[in-house]
Amino acid sequence: MAARCVAWSHAGNAALTTLAYRRISDSDWAVVVMWFIALNVLDLGLTLHLIGQGAVEMNPIMATLLDAGWEWAAVFKAATTAGVAAGLWLGRRHLLVRRTGVAFVALFAVLTAYQVVDVWMAG
């Protein structure tokens, strides 16, 4: 089993976390979290654009919120994105959280690419 240790810099640099013999700085993890947030914002924008073009939301929760108004969907999306981003940041020392965070970013990157193609094809 890999040793788990947290090494803090004495010169004020970002903390480094060693989990499973890998190091990732807080600033590098912040980039992953920011990508997660940015892709979620882009997802909402593309979704709203596609719905305006006649597409249908497949997510039943978001579809219900969109029926009540795009503002409700935006508030829900912002709240859930902020909650997950906070969880990713607070749990950044754990390998499982880091792997899950990278998987979330990859998932939203694929989803966003799919929506960009939809916008391009509809355009």
N, C-alpha and C. Protein backbone atom coordinates (compact mmCIF):
# COMPACT_ATOMS: atom_id res chain seq x y z
N MET A 1 0.85 -1.17 0.00
CA MET A 1 0.00 0.00 0.00
C MET A 1 0.90 1.23 0.00
N ALA A 2 0.52 2.20 -0.80
CA ALA A 2 1.32 3.42 -0.92
C ALA A 2 1.19 4.27 0.34
N ALA A 3 2.29 4.87 0.71
CA ALA A 3 2.28 5.76 1.87
C ALA A 3 1.57 7.06 1.51
N ARG A 4 0.92 7.62 2.48
CA ARG A 4 0.19 8.87 2.26
C ARG A 4 0.80 9.92 3.18
N CYS A 5 1.27 11.00 2.57
CA CYS A 5 1.84 12.05 3.39
C CYS A 5 1.58 13.39 2.75
N VAL A 6 1.47 14.39 3.57
CA VAL A 6 1.24 15.75 3.10
C VAL A 6 2.50 16.54 3.41
N ALA A 7 3.08 17.15 2.39
CA ALA A 7 4.29 17.95 2.59
C ALA A 7 3.94 19.41 2.39
N TRP A 8 4.23 20.25 3.39
CA TRP A 8 3.94 21.68 3.30
C TRP A 8 5.24 22.43 3.04
N SER A 9 5.19 23.37 2.16
CA SER A 9 6.35 24.18 1.83
C SER A 9 6.61 25.19 2.95
N HIS A 10 7.86 25.42 3.27
CA HIS A 10 8.21 26.40 4.29
C HIS A 10 8.40 27.79 3.70
N ALA A 11 8.49 27.89 2.38
CA ALA A 11 8.74 29.18 1.73
C ALA A 11 7.45 29.84 1.26
N GLY A 12 6.31 29.32 1.68
CA GLY A 12 5.04 29.93 1.30
C GLY A 12 4.52 29.43 -0.04
N ASN A 13 5.18 28.46 -0.64
CA ASN A 13 4.70 27.89 -1.90
C ASN A 13 3.47 27.03 -1.63
N ALA A 14 2.81 26.63 -2.70
CA ALA A 14 1.61 25.81 -2.57
C ALA A 14 1.95 24.47 -1.91
N ALA A 15 0.99 23.97 -1.15
CA ALA A 15 1.18 22.67 -0.51
C ALA A 15 1.18 21.58 -1.57
N LEU A 16 2.02 20.59 -1.36
CA LEU A 16 2.05 19.44 -2.26
C LEU A 16 1.49 18.24 -1.54
N THR A 17 0.72 17.47 -2.26
CA THR A 17 0.13 16.28 -1.69
C THR A 17 0.72 15.06 -2.38
N THR A 18 1.16 14.11 -1.61
CA THR A 18 1.67 12.89 -2.19
C THR A 18 0.70 11.78 -1.85
N LEU A 19 0.03 11.26 -2.86
CA LEU A 19 -0.87 10.13 -2.71
C LEU A 19 -0.52 9.16 -3.82
N ALA A 20 -0.25 7.95 -3.47
CA ALA A 20 0.12 6.94 -4.44
C ALA A 20 1.33 7.38 -5.26
N TYR A 21 2.28 8.01 -4.58
CA TYR A 21 3.54 8.43 -5.18
C TYR A 21 3.37 9.46 -6.28
N ARG A 22 2.29 10.23 -6.26
CA ARG A 22 2.08 11.30 -7.23
C ARG A 22 1.98 12.60 -6.47
N ARG A 23 2.49 13.65 -7.07
CA ARG A 23 2.41 14.97 -6.45
C ARG A 23 1.56 15.87 -7.33
N ILE A 24 0.75 16.65 -6.69
CA ILE A 24 -0.01 17.66 -7.41
C ILE A 24 -0.10 18.88 -6.50
N SER A 25 0.24 20.01 -7.04
CA SER A 25 0.21 21.23 -6.24
C SER A 25 -1.22 21.74 -6.13
N ASP A 26 -1.46 22.56 -5.14
CA ASP A 26 -2.77 23.16 -4.99
C ASP A 26 -3.11 24.01 -6.21
N SER A 27 -2.14 24.69 -6.77
CA SER A 27 -2.42 25.53 -7.94
C SER A 27 -2.78 24.68 -9.16
N ASP A 28 -2.14 23.51 -9.30
CA ASP A 28 -2.52 22.62 -10.41
C ASP A 28 -3.93 22.06 -10.22
N TRP A 29 -4.25 21.71 -8.97
CA TRP A 29 -5.60 21.20 -8.71
C TRP A 29 -6.64 22.29 -8.91
N ALA A 30 -6.27 23.54 -8.58
CA ALA A 30 -7.19 24.66 -8.80
C ALA A 30 -7.53 24.79 -10.28
N VAL A 31 -6.58 24.50 -11.15
CA VAL A 31 -6.84 24.55 -12.60
C VAL A 31 -7.88 23.49 -12.97
N VAL A 32 -7.78 22.30 -12.40
CA VAL A 32 -8.76 21.24 -12.67
C VAL A 32 -10.15 21.69 -12.21
N VAL A 33 -10.22 22.27 -11.02
CA VAL A 33 -11.51 22.73 -10.48
C VAL A 33 -12.07 23.86 -11.35
N MET A 34 -11.20 24.77 -11.79
CA MET A 34 -11.67 25.87 -12.65
C MET A 34 -12.17 25.36 -14.00
N TRP A 35 -11.51 24.33 -14.54
CA TRP A 35 -12.01 23.73 -15.78
C TRP A 35 -13.39 23.11 -15.55
N PHE A 36 -13.56 22.47 -14.41
CA PHE A 36 -14.87 21.89 -14.09
C PHE A 36 -15.95 22.98 -14.08
N ILE A 37 -15.65 24.10 -13.42
CA ILE A 37 -16.61 25.20 -13.35
C ILE A 37 -16.87 25.79 -14.73
N ALA A 38 -15.80 26.05 -15.48
CA ALA A 38 -15.94 26.66 -16.81
C ALA A 38 -16.74 25.78 -17.76
N LEU A 39 -16.49 24.48 -17.72
CA LEU A 39 -17.22 23.57 -18.60
C LEU A 39 -18.70 23.48 -18.21
N ASN A 40 -19.00 23.58 -16.92
CA ASN A 40 -20.40 23.58 -16.49
C ASN A 40 -21.12 24.84 -16.94
N VAL A 41 -20.44 25.99 -16.86
CA VAL A 41 -21.04 27.24 -17.33
C VAL A 41 -21.28 27.16 -18.84
N LEU A 42 -20.28 26.66 -19.56
CA LEU A 42 -20.43 26.50 -21.01
C LEU A 42 -21.55 25.52 -21.35
N ASP A 43 -21.66 24.45 -20.58
CA ASP A 43 -22.73 23.47 -20.77
C ASP A 43 -24.10 24.13 -20.64
N LEU A 44 -24.27 24.96 -19.62
CA LEU A 44 -25.54 25.64 -19.43
C LEU A 44 -25.82 26.59 -20.60
N GLY A 45 -24.83 27.36 -20.98
CA GLY A 45 -25.01 28.29 -22.10
C GLY A 45 -25.37 27.58 -23.39
N LEU A 46 -24.66 26.50 -23.69
CA LEU A 46 -24.96 25.75 -24.91
C LEU A 46 -26.32 25.09 -24.84
N THR A 47 -26.67 24.59 -23.66
CA THR A 47 -27.99 23.98 -23.48
C THR A 47 -29.10 24.99 -23.74
N LEU A 48 -28.96 26.17 -23.16
CA LEU A 48 -29.97 27.21 -23.38
C LEU A 48 -30.05 27.61 -24.85
N HIS A 49 -28.89 27.70 -25.50
CA HIS A 49 -28.87 28.03 -26.93
C HIS A 49 -29.58 26.95 -27.75
N LEU A 50 -29.26 25.69 -27.48
CA LEU A 50 -29.86 24.59 -28.23
C LEU A 50 -31.36 24.48 -27.98
N ILE A 51 -31.79 24.73 -26.75
CA ILE A 51 -33.23 24.70 -26.46
C ILE A 51 -33.93 25.82 -27.22
N GLY A 52 -33.28 26.96 -27.33
CA GLY A 52 -33.83 28.06 -28.13
C GLY A 52 -33.95 27.71 -29.60
N GLN A 53 -33.13 26.74 -30.03
CA GLN A 53 -33.17 26.28 -31.42
C GLN A 53 -34.13 25.10 -31.62
N GLY A 54 -34.79 24.68 -30.53
CA GLY A 54 -35.77 23.60 -30.64
C GLY A 54 -35.34 22.27 -30.05
N ALA A 55 -34.15 22.20 -29.48
CA ALA A 55 -33.70 20.94 -28.86
C ALA A 55 -34.49 20.69 -27.57
N VAL A 56 -34.41 19.48 -27.07
CA VAL A 56 -35.11 19.08 -25.86
C VAL A 56 -34.09 18.66 -24.82
N GLU A 57 -34.25 19.13 -23.60
CA GLU A 57 -33.36 18.74 -22.50
C GLU A 57 -33.67 17.31 -22.09
N MET A 58 -32.64 16.47 -22.05
CA MET A 58 -32.83 15.06 -21.72
C MET A 58 -32.76 14.79 -20.21
N ASN A 59 -32.11 15.66 -19.46
CA ASN A 59 -32.01 15.51 -18.02
C ASN A 59 -33.36 15.90 -17.41
N PRO A 60 -34.06 14.97 -16.76
CA PRO A 60 -35.41 15.28 -16.26
C PRO A 60 -35.43 16.39 -15.20
N ILE A 61 -34.39 16.49 -14.38
CA ILE A 61 -34.35 17.55 -13.37
C ILE A 61 -34.21 18.91 -14.05
N MET A 62 -33.25 19.02 -14.96
CA MET A 62 -33.04 20.29 -15.66
C MET A 62 -34.24 20.61 -16.55
N ALA A 63 -34.86 19.60 -17.14
CA ALA A 63 -36.04 19.85 -17.99
C ALA A 63 -37.16 20.46 -17.16
N THR A 64 -37.39 19.94 -15.96
CA THR A 64 -38.42 20.49 -15.08
C THR A 64 -38.09 21.93 -14.69
N LEU A 65 -36.84 22.17 -14.35
CA LEU A 65 -36.43 23.52 -13.98
C LEU A 65 -36.53 24.48 -15.16
N LEU A 66 -36.16 24.02 -16.34
CA LEU A 66 -36.26 24.87 -17.54
C LEU A 66 -37.72 25.19 -17.87
N ASP A 67 -38.61 24.25 -17.58
CA ASP A 67 -40.04 24.53 -17.79
C ASP A 67 -40.51 25.67 -16.88
N ALA A 68 -39.89 25.77 -15.70
CA ALA A 68 -40.24 26.85 -14.76
C ALA A 68 -39.55 28.16 -15.12
N GLY A 69 -38.55 28.10 -15.96
CA GLY A 69 -37.81 29.29 -16.38
C GLY A 69 -36.31 29.02 -16.36
N TRP A 70 -35.61 29.64 -17.31
CA TRP A 70 -34.17 29.38 -17.40
C TRP A 70 -33.43 29.85 -16.15
N GLU A 71 -34.00 30.83 -15.44
CA GLU A 71 -33.35 31.33 -14.23
C GLU A 71 -33.24 30.24 -13.16
N TRP A 72 -34.31 29.43 -13.03
CA TRP A 72 -34.29 28.35 -12.04
C TRP A 72 -33.23 27.32 -12.40
N ALA A 73 -33.13 27.02 -13.68
CA ALA A 73 -32.12 26.06 -14.13
C ALA A 73 -30.72 26.62 -13.88
N ALA A 74 -30.53 27.91 -14.12
CA ALA A 74 -29.22 28.53 -13.92
C ALA A 74 -28.84 28.54 -12.44
N VAL A 75 -29.79 28.84 -11.57
CA VAL A 75 -29.52 28.85 -10.13
C VAL A 75 -29.18 27.44 -9.66
N PHE A 76 -29.93 26.45 -10.10
CA PHE A 76 -29.67 25.06 -9.73
C PHE A 76 -28.29 24.62 -10.23
N LYS A 77 -27.98 24.95 -11.48
CA LYS A 77 -26.69 24.58 -12.07
C LYS A 77 -25.55 25.25 -11.30
N ALA A 78 -25.71 26.53 -10.97
CA ALA A 78 -24.68 27.25 -10.23
C ALA A 78 -24.47 26.64 -8.85
N ALA A 79 -25.57 26.32 -8.18
CA ALA A 79 -25.48 25.76 -6.82
C ALA A 79 -24.83 24.38 -6.83
N THR A 80 -25.24 23.52 -7.74
CA THR A 80 -24.65 22.18 -7.79
C THR A 80 -23.19 22.24 -8.23
N THR A 81 -22.89 23.10 -9.18
CA THR A 81 -21.51 23.24 -9.64
C THR A 81 -20.63 23.76 -8.51
N ALA A 82 -21.11 24.75 -7.79
CA ALA A 82 -20.34 25.30 -6.67
C ALA A 82 -20.14 24.25 -5.57
N GLY A 83 -21.19 23.48 -5.30
CA GLY A 83 -21.08 22.44 -4.28
C GLY A 83 -20.07 21.36 -4.65
N VAL A 84 -20.13 20.90 -5.90
CA VAL A 84 -19.19 19.88 -6.34
C VAL A 84 -17.77 20.44 -6.39
N ALA A 85 -17.62 21.67 -6.88
CA ALA A 85 -16.30 22.29 -6.93
C ALA A 85 -15.71 22.44 -5.53
N ALA A 86 -16.54 22.83 -4.57
CA ALA A 86 -16.07 22.94 -3.19
C ALA A 86 -15.65 21.57 -2.66
N GLY A 87 -16.43 20.55 -2.96
CA GLY A 87 -16.07 19.19 -2.55
C GLY A 87 -14.77 18.73 -3.17
N LEU A 88 -14.58 19.05 -4.45
CA LEU A 88 -13.33 18.69 -5.11
C LEU A 88 -12.15 19.41 -4.47
N TRP A 89 -12.35 20.68 -4.12
CA TRP A 89 -11.25 21.42 -3.51
C TRP A 89 -10.95 20.91 -2.11
N LEU A 90 -11.98 20.72 -1.31
CA LEU A 90 -11.77 20.28 0.08
C LEU A 90 -11.21 18.86 0.15
N GLY A 91 -11.57 18.04 -0.83
CA GLY A 91 -11.10 16.65 -0.83
C GLY A 91 -9.87 16.42 -1.68
N ARG A 92 -9.19 17.48 -2.07
CA ARG A 92 -8.08 17.38 -3.04
C ARG A 92 -6.93 16.51 -2.55
N ARG A 93 -6.84 16.25 -1.27
CA ARG A 93 -5.75 15.43 -0.72
C ARG A 93 -5.99 13.93 -0.93
N HIS A 94 -7.17 13.57 -1.35
CA HIS A 94 -7.53 12.15 -1.48
C HIS A 94 -7.50 11.71 -2.94
N LEU A 95 -6.85 10.60 -3.18
CA LEU A 95 -6.70 10.10 -4.53
C LEU A 95 -8.05 9.85 -5.20
N LEU A 96 -9.01 9.29 -4.48
CA LEU A 96 -10.32 9.02 -5.06
C LEU A 96 -11.01 10.30 -5.52
N VAL A 97 -10.91 11.34 -4.72
CA VAL A 97 -11.50 12.63 -5.10
C VAL A 97 -10.80 13.19 -6.33
N ARG A 98 -9.48 13.09 -6.38
CA ARG A 98 -8.75 13.59 -7.55
C ARG A 98 -9.13 12.81 -8.80
N ARG A 99 -9.22 11.51 -8.70
CA ARG A 99 -9.62 10.71 -9.87
C ARG A 99 -11.03 11.05 -10.30
N THR A 100 -11.93 11.21 -9.33
CA THR A 100 -13.31 11.58 -9.65
C THR A 100 -13.37 12.96 -10.29
N GLY A 101 -12.60 13.89 -9.78
CA GLY A 101 -12.56 15.23 -10.35
C GLY A 101 -12.09 15.23 -11.79
N VAL A 102 -11.05 14.49 -12.07
CA VAL A 102 -10.55 14.40 -13.44
C VAL A 102 -11.59 13.73 -14.33
N ALA A 103 -12.29 12.72 -13.81
CA ALA A 103 -13.36 12.07 -14.58
C ALA A 103 -14.50 13.04 -14.87
N PHE A 104 -14.86 13.87 -13.88
CA PHE A 104 -15.90 14.89 -14.11
C PHE A 104 -15.49 15.86 -15.21
N VAL A 105 -14.25 16.32 -15.15
CA VAL A 105 -13.78 17.26 -16.17
C VAL A 105 -13.79 16.59 -17.55
N ALA A 106 -13.34 15.35 -17.62
CA ALA A 106 -13.36 14.63 -18.91
C ALA A 106 -14.78 14.45 -19.41
N LEU A 107 -15.70 14.09 -18.51
CA LEU A 107 -17.10 13.91 -18.88
C LEU A 107 -17.69 15.21 -19.43
N PHE A 108 -17.47 16.31 -18.73
CA PHE A 108 -18.01 17.59 -19.20
C PHE A 108 -17.32 18.08 -20.45
N ALA A 109 -16.06 17.73 -20.65
CA ALA A 109 -15.38 18.09 -21.90
C ALA A 109 -16.02 17.37 -23.08
N VAL A 110 -16.32 16.09 -22.91
CA VAL A 110 -16.98 15.32 -23.97
C VAL A 110 -18.39 15.86 -24.21
N LEU A 111 -19.13 16.12 -23.15
CA LEU A 111 -20.48 16.67 -23.28
C LEU A 111 -20.45 18.02 -23.99
N THR A 112 -19.52 18.86 -23.62
CA THR A 112 -19.41 20.19 -24.23
C THR A 112 -19.04 20.07 -25.70
N ALA A 113 -18.12 19.18 -26.02
CA ALA A 113 -17.75 18.96 -27.42
C ALA A 113 -18.96 18.50 -28.22
N TYR A 114 -19.76 17.60 -27.65
CA TYR A 114 -20.98 17.12 -28.31
C TYR A 114 -21.93 18.28 -28.57
N GLN A 115 -22.09 19.16 -27.58
CA GLN A 115 -23.00 20.29 -27.75
C GLN A 115 -22.46 21.30 -28.76
N VAL A 116 -21.16 21.50 -28.79
CA VAL A 116 -20.56 22.40 -29.78
C VAL A 116 -20.83 21.88 -31.18
N VAL A 117 -20.70 20.58 -31.36
CA VAL A 117 -21.02 19.98 -32.67
C VAL A 117 -22.49 20.18 -32.99
N ASP A 118 -23.38 20.02 -32.01
CA ASP A 118 -24.81 20.25 -32.24
C ASP A 118 -25.07 21.69 -32.67
N VAL A 119 -24.44 22.65 -32.00
CA VAL A 119 -24.61 24.05 -32.36
C VAL A 119 -24.09 24.30 -33.77
N TRP A 120 -22.94 23.73 -34.09
CA TRP A 120 -22.35 23.91 -35.41
C TRP A 120 -23.23 23.31 -36.49
N MET A 121 -23.79 22.12 -36.22
CA MET A 121 -24.63 21.43 -37.21
C MET A 121 -25.97 22.18 -37.39
N ALA A 122 -26.49 22.75 -36.29
CA ALA A 122 -27.76 23.45 -36.36
C ALA A 122 -27.61 24.82 -37.00
N GLY A 123 -26.38 25.36 -36.92
CA GLY A 123 -26.12 26.74 -37.35
C GLY A 123 -26.27 26.98 -38.78
